[in-house]
Amino acid sequence: MKADRPEAKPLSWPSKAGLTLILLAAIGFALYKHTALGPWAVQKITGKTTPQAAAAPTAEAPKEAGPASRIVRVSPANTRVIDHVRLTTEELLDPDFALFDPKAFSLSAPRRLLDEIDRPVLYAELVNTSDRYVALSPKVKIAVFDGSRAVDLRQDWELPARLYPGERVPVALPGGRYERVTEVKTDWQPAKRAALPGPRPKLAVSVENTEAGVGTGTLNFSYRYRYKYVTVHGRVRNDDQAEVDNVRVWISLYDAQDQVSGATFKELRLPKLKPGESAPFEAQVKQYGGNFARVGLVYDATAR
């Protein structure tokens, strides 16, 4: 036996009104919590700002444009890299700045001589062939080959800080064991340049007289050897307008064939020379080639 279902009664009007109010309240709460419409509606109705509206980001007012920058940005930038030389800001920014042309350097063919205990030593001359510019702080790496073998040599002294047009500076390369020189390679490092008359203090460095002599020595307390040398007597006179200090000289001996037969470098122990003052100097140069016929001299100095 089945029981009949009771018929559903329609909701009364007060129930319908209550249910509608509950749904509207739920929709309003959702809009208030999860969208910007709720805070905006509350602000419009009540005239008060809600915390959510206060925390909402506002559009910033446009800032006034500052002064134009002097920096010019270029993409891609034309990078300028110069190794082994220090440049000032003015030199880097100067579009017309140029280094000393390495093609104006010349290295004479080295001459192989034997020193007082029969060790080989090479002598060569570095020449500034430019007729317009002074080479500032020239540097060169010299590689010497005996056939296919590179000879391990060292450079005895540094070059002048200023090498003037036409000047010939001796380079001594002792060390290593070799019978011949088949090839010489030069790697000229970047050097600045200066127009004549250049920055070097003006000095008058002269050779007054020379004396040839013979010296002796002992190696390992058993081997006694002899060598020839030349004592060079000279004078330095300051023809510049400033006080001069730290005078250095490179002295070369030349034989009758005008080839280098000996050379040396010396920092002269002179007092500070005021304009017009002079002082004598003396230097000994060992002579490994033929007897010398003349003396060559290059100087460098610092103005105070």
Protein backbone atom coordinates (compact mmCIF):
# COMPACT_ATOMS: atom_id res chain seq x y z
CA MET A 1 0.00 0.00 0.00
CA LYS A 2 1.55 3.33 -1.08
CA ALA A 3 1.07 6.56 0.74
CA ASP A 4 0.35 9.63 -1.36
CA ARG A 5 2.87 12.57 -1.14
CA PRO A 6 1.57 15.70 0.37
CA GLU A 7 1.24 18.46 -2.21
CA ALA A 8 3.96 21.20 -1.98
CA LYS A 9 2.64 24.47 -0.75
CA PRO A 10 3.79 27.65 -2.51
CA LEU A 11 5.97 30.07 -0.44
CA SER A 12 4.15 32.86 1.10
CA TRP A 13 4.90 36.45 0.13
CA PRO A 14 6.86 37.28 3.31
CA SER A 15 9.06 34.19 2.76
CA LYS A 16 9.77 35.20 -0.81
CA ALA A 17 10.69 38.73 0.28
CA GLY A 18 13.05 37.45 2.98
CA LEU A 19 14.81 35.06 0.60
CA THR A 20 15.27 37.88 -1.95
CA LEU A 21 16.81 40.15 0.70
CA ILE A 22 19.26 37.38 1.73
CA LEU A 23 20.37 36.85 -1.90
CA LEU A 24 20.83 40.60 -2.48
CA ALA A 25 22.87 40.91 0.73
CA ALA A 26 25.14 38.02 -0.30
CA ILE A 27 25.71 39.55 -3.77
CA GLY A 28 26.46 42.96 -2.25
CA PHE A 29 28.95 41.52 0.23
CA ALA A 30 30.74 39.66 -2.58
CA LEU A 31 30.95 42.83 -4.68
CA TYR A 32 32.25 44.80 -1.68
CA LYS A 33 35.00 42.32 -0.78
CA HIS A 34 36.24 41.20 -4.19
CA THR A 35 35.69 44.09 -6.64
CA ALA A 36 36.21 47.84 -6.73
CA LEU A 37 32.52 48.41 -7.42
CA GLY A 38 31.50 47.95 -3.79
CA PRO A 39 33.81 50.60 -2.24
CA TRP A 40 32.90 52.99 -5.08
CA ALA A 41 29.16 52.50 -4.44
CA VAL A 42 29.60 52.97 -0.67
CA GLN A 43 31.60 56.17 -1.28
CA LYS A 44 28.88 57.48 -3.61
CA ILE A 45 26.06 56.68 -1.19
CA THR A 46 27.66 57.69 2.10
CA GLY A 47 30.29 60.22 0.93
CA LYS A 48 32.97 58.40 3.00
CA THR A 49 36.15 56.68 1.73
CA THR A 50 36.49 53.04 2.57
CA PRO A 51 39.86 51.54 3.67
CA GLN A 52 40.07 49.53 0.44
CA ALA A 53 39.57 52.66 -1.66
CA ALA A 54 42.16 54.54 0.36
CA ALA A 55 44.70 51.76 -0.18
CA ALA A 56 44.06 51.55 -3.92
CA PRO A 57 46.91 53.03 -6.04
CA THR A 58 46.22 56.32 -7.69
CA ALA A 59 47.68 57.58 -10.94
CA GLU A 60 50.73 59.79 -10.35
CA ALA A 61 50.74 63.28 -11.68
CA PRO A 62 53.16 63.75 -14.61
CA LYS A 63 56.57 65.00 -13.47
CA GLU A 64 58.14 68.04 -14.98
CA ALA A 65 60.93 67.24 -17.43
CA GLY A 66 64.41 67.99 -16.01
CA PRO A 67 67.23 69.69 -17.87
CA ALA A 68 68.54 67.96 -20.98
CA SER A 69 71.44 65.55 -20.37
CA ARG A 70 74.85 66.14 -22.00
CA ILE A 71 75.37 62.39 -22.28
CA VAL A 72 74.89 61.09 -25.80
CA ARG A 73 74.02 57.40 -25.87
CA VAL A 74 74.96 55.57 -29.03
CA SER A 75 73.95 51.97 -29.74
CA PRO A 76 75.98 50.10 -30.76
CA ALA A 77 78.82 52.14 -29.23
CA ASN A 78 82.08 52.56 -31.14
CA THR A 79 84.39 51.24 -28.41
CA ARG A 80 87.94 52.63 -28.42
CA VAL A 81 90.50 50.35 -26.75
CA ILE A 82 94.21 51.27 -26.55
CA ASP A 83 96.38 48.84 -24.58
CA HIS A 84 99.68 49.47 -22.79
CA VAL A 85 99.35 53.26 -22.62
CA ARG A 86 97.68 55.68 -20.19
CA LEU A 87 95.49 58.36 -21.77
CA THR A 88 93.87 61.42 -20.22
CA THR A 89 90.15 62.15 -20.50
CA GLU A 90 90.87 64.94 -22.98
CA GLU A 91 92.89 62.58 -25.17
CA LEU A 92 90.19 59.90 -25.13
CA LEU A 93 87.47 62.41 -26.06
CA ASP A 94 89.56 64.17 -28.71
CA PRO A 95 88.50 62.73 -32.12
CA ASP A 96 91.76 64.00 -33.66
CA PHE A 97 94.04 62.34 -31.07
CA ALA A 98 96.65 60.03 -32.62
CA LEU A 99 99.49 57.90 -31.27
CA PHE A 100 103.06 57.93 -32.54
CA ASP A 101 103.28 56.06 -35.83
CA PRO A 102 105.27 52.84 -35.16
CA LYS A 103 106.41 52.89 -38.80
CA ALA A 104 108.59 55.87 -37.86
CA PHE A 105 110.65 53.61 -35.55
CA SER A 106 113.65 51.83 -37.01
CA LEU A 107 115.85 49.16 -35.44
CA SER A 108 119.24 48.63 -37.03
CA ALA A 109 120.53 45.15 -37.79
CA PRO A 110 122.00 43.82 -34.52
CA ARG A 111 125.74 43.30 -34.32
CA ARG A 112 126.98 40.22 -32.48
CA LEU A 113 130.09 40.81 -30.36
CA LEU A 114 131.83 38.86 -27.60
CA ASP A 115 132.28 40.33 -24.14
CA GLU A 116 135.34 40.00 -21.89
CA ILE A 117 134.64 36.31 -21.07
CA ASP A 118 133.56 35.38 -24.62
CA ARG A 119 129.80 35.55 -24.06
CA PRO A 120 127.80 36.88 -27.03
CA VAL A 121 126.08 40.25 -26.77
CA LEU A 122 123.99 41.97 -29.45
CA TYR A 123 124.10 45.71 -30.06
CA ALA A 124 121.47 47.53 -32.11
CA GLU A 125 120.21 51.09 -32.41
CA LEU A 126 116.67 52.38 -32.12
CA VAL A 127 116.09 55.43 -34.35
CA ASN A 128 113.21 57.89 -34.53
CA THR A 129 112.91 58.55 -38.27
CA SER A 130 110.02 61.03 -37.92
CA ASP A 131 110.81 64.64 -38.80
CA ARG A 132 107.82 66.13 -36.95
CA TYR A 133 107.09 64.25 -33.74
CA VAL A 134 108.80 63.23 -30.52
CA ALA A 135 108.08 59.66 -29.37
CA LEU A 136 107.01 59.63 -25.70
CA SER A 137 107.95 56.57 -23.59
CA PRO A 138 108.75 54.26 -26.53
CA LYS A 139 108.81 50.54 -25.75
CA VAL A 140 109.65 47.56 -27.94
CA LYS A 141 109.81 43.80 -27.48
CA ILE A 142 112.65 42.30 -29.51
CA ALA A 143 112.66 38.61 -30.45
CA VAL A 144 115.87 37.12 -31.89
CA PHE A 145 116.05 33.79 -33.72
CA ASP A 146 118.90 31.42 -34.50
CA GLY A 147 117.30 29.44 -37.31
CA SER A 148 113.93 28.30 -35.97
CA ARG A 149 115.03 28.62 -32.33
CA ALA A 150 114.15 31.74 -30.33
CA VAL A 151 117.15 32.99 -28.35
CA ASP A 152 116.52 33.91 -24.73
CA LEU A 153 117.92 37.45 -24.48
CA ARG A 154 117.28 40.35 -22.13
CA GLN A 155 117.33 44.09 -22.72
CA ASP A 156 119.97 45.70 -20.52
CA TRP A 157 118.45 49.17 -20.02
CA GLU A 158 115.27 51.07 -20.68
CA LEU A 159 114.72 53.57 -23.49
CA PRO A 160 114.47 57.35 -23.01
CA ALA A 161 111.15 58.83 -21.95
CA ARG A 162 111.42 61.17 -24.96
CA LEU A 163 113.05 60.14 -28.23
CA TYR A 164 113.55 63.06 -30.61
CA PRO A 165 113.66 62.93 -34.42
CA GLY A 166 116.97 61.59 -35.71
CA GLU A 167 118.24 60.37 -32.32
CA ARG A 168 119.93 56.94 -32.19
CA VAL A 169 119.66 55.10 -28.88
CA PRO A 170 121.78 51.97 -28.28
CA VAL A 171 120.11 48.71 -27.26
CA ALA A 172 122.18 45.95 -25.64
CA LEU A 173 120.86 42.36 -25.69
CA PRO A 174 123.06 39.98 -23.66
CA GLY A 175 122.27 36.40 -22.67
CA GLY A 176 121.68 33.10 -24.44
CA ARG A 177 123.97 30.84 -26.42
CA TYR A 178 123.83 31.10 -30.22
CA GLU A 179 126.15 31.18 -33.20
CA ARG A 180 124.19 33.36 -35.59
CA VAL A 181 121.19 35.66 -35.88
CA THR A 182 118.87 34.74 -38.74
CA GLU A 183 115.82 36.88 -37.90
CA VAL A 184 114.83 39.75 -35.61
CA LYS A 185 111.17 40.57 -34.86
CA THR A 186 110.03 43.79 -33.20
CA ASP A 187 106.75 44.38 -31.39
CA TRP A 188 106.33 48.14 -30.94
CA GLN A 189 104.12 49.09 -28.03
CA PRO A 190 101.74 52.09 -28.42
CA ALA A 191 103.43 55.40 -27.60
CA LYS A 192 102.20 58.96 -27.41
CA ARG A 193 103.68 61.70 -29.51
CA ALA A 194 104.50 65.37 -29.06
CA ALA A 195 105.15 68.08 -31.62
CA LEU A 196 108.48 69.86 -31.71
CA PRO A 197 110.12 71.46 -29.74
CA GLY A 198 108.79 68.81 -27.34
CA PRO A 199 108.69 68.62 -23.53
CA ARG A 200 112.32 67.72 -22.77
CA PRO A 201 114.40 70.36 -20.94
CA LYS A 202 116.94 72.04 -23.20
CA LEU A 203 120.44 70.92 -22.20
CA ALA A 204 123.82 71.18 -23.87
CA VAL A 205 125.50 67.79 -23.30
CA SER A 206 128.98 67.61 -24.80
CA VAL A 207 131.96 65.24 -24.81
CA GLU A 208 135.13 67.09 -23.81
CA ASN A 209 137.68 64.26 -24.14
CA THR A 210 138.08 60.46 -24.09
CA GLU A 211 140.70 58.08 -22.69
CA ALA A 212 141.18 54.49 -23.90
CA GLY A 213 142.36 51.91 -21.38
CA VAL A 214 142.71 48.19 -20.67
CA GLY A 215 141.24 46.54 -17.59
CA THR A 216 141.63 43.09 -16.04
CA GLY A 217 139.40 40.85 -13.96
CA THR A 218 139.15 37.38 -12.47
CA LEU A 219 136.36 34.85 -12.94
CA ASN A 220 135.82 32.16 -10.28
CA PHE A 221 139.20 33.08 -8.71
CA SER A 222 141.02 31.21 -11.49
CA TYR A 223 140.25 32.62 -14.93
CA ARG A 224 141.93 35.97 -15.57
CA TYR A 225 140.68 38.10 -18.47
CA ARG A 226 141.37 41.48 -20.09
CA TYR A 227 139.01 43.98 -21.67
CA LYS A 228 139.19 47.36 -23.40
CA TYR A 229 137.25 50.36 -22.19
CA VAL A 230 136.89 54.06 -22.91
CA THR A 231 136.46 56.75 -20.26
CA VAL A 232 134.23 59.55 -21.56
CA HIS A 233 134.57 62.98 -19.93
CA GLY A 234 131.73 65.37 -20.66
CA ARG A 235 129.79 68.39 -19.42
CA VAL A 236 126.10 69.20 -18.99
CA ARG A 237 124.91 72.81 -19.24
CA ASN A 238 121.32 73.85 -18.48
CA ASP A 239 120.06 76.08 -21.29
CA ASP A 240 116.44 75.80 -20.11
CA GLN A 241 114.39 78.31 -18.10
CA ALA A 242 113.68 75.83 -15.29
CA GLU A 243 115.82 73.91 -12.82
CA VAL A 244 116.88 70.50 -14.12
CA ASP A 245 117.40 67.23 -12.26
CA ASN A 246 117.81 63.48 -12.96
CA VAL A 247 119.95 63.67 -16.09
CA ARG A 248 120.44 60.31 -17.86
CA VAL A 249 122.73 59.54 -20.80
CA TRP A 250 123.03 56.75 -23.39
CA ILE A 251 126.59 56.59 -24.76
CA SER A 252 127.67 54.68 -27.89
CA LEU A 253 131.12 53.94 -29.29
CA TYR A 254 131.46 53.70 -33.10
CA ASP A 255 134.37 52.13 -35.00
CA ALA A 256 135.82 53.31 -38.30
CA GLN A 257 132.97 51.58 -40.21
CA ASP A 258 130.45 53.54 -38.08
CA GLN A 259 129.24 50.37 -36.36
CA VAL A 260 128.56 50.13 -32.64
CA SER A 261 131.53 48.64 -30.78
CA GLY A 262 130.28 49.31 -27.24
CA ALA A 263 127.54 51.17 -25.38
CA THR A 264 126.29 51.98 -21.88
CA PHE A 265 123.55 53.77 -19.97
CA LYS A 266 124.15 55.90 -16.88
CA GLU A 267 122.16 58.09 -14.50
CA LEU A 268 124.47 61.03 -13.81
CA ARG A 269 125.01 62.05 -10.20
CA LEU A 270 124.80 65.76 -10.76
CA PRO A 271 123.53 68.57 -8.51
CA LYS A 272 120.32 70.29 -9.48
CA LEU A 273 121.25 72.61 -12.32
CA LYS A 274 119.69 76.06 -12.34
CA PRO A 275 119.36 77.93 -15.64
CA GLY A 276 122.82 78.69 -17.01
CA GLU A 277 124.68 76.33 -14.63
CA SER A 278 126.85 73.41 -15.78
CA ALA A 279 128.55 70.36 -14.26
CA PRO A 280 131.05 67.74 -15.49
CA PHE A 281 130.38 64.01 -15.71
CA GLU A 282 132.38 60.85 -16.38
CA ALA A 283 131.36 57.42 -17.70
CA GLN A 284 133.21 54.22 -18.64
CA VAL A 285 132.17 52.26 -21.72
CA LYS A 286 133.47 48.74 -22.40
CA GLN A 287 134.64 48.24 -25.97
CA TYR A 288 134.05 44.79 -27.48
CA GLY A 289 134.50 45.60 -31.17
CA GLY A 290 137.26 47.43 -33.03
CA ASN A 291 138.87 50.58 -31.72
CA PHE A 292 136.40 53.45 -31.50
CA ALA A 293 136.53 56.40 -33.88
CA ARG A 294 133.80 58.58 -32.39
CA VAL A 295 131.32 58.82 -29.50
CA GLY A 296 127.54 59.25 -29.76
CA LEU A 297 125.38 60.54 -26.93
CA VAL A 298 121.64 60.87 -26.21
CA TYR A 299 120.27 62.43 -23.02
CA ASP A 300 117.03 62.69 -21.08
CA ALA A 301 116.22 64.87 -18.06
CA THR A 302 113.44 66.08 -15.76
CA ALA A 303 112.53 69.73 -15.28
CA ARG A 304 111.65 70.92 -11.78
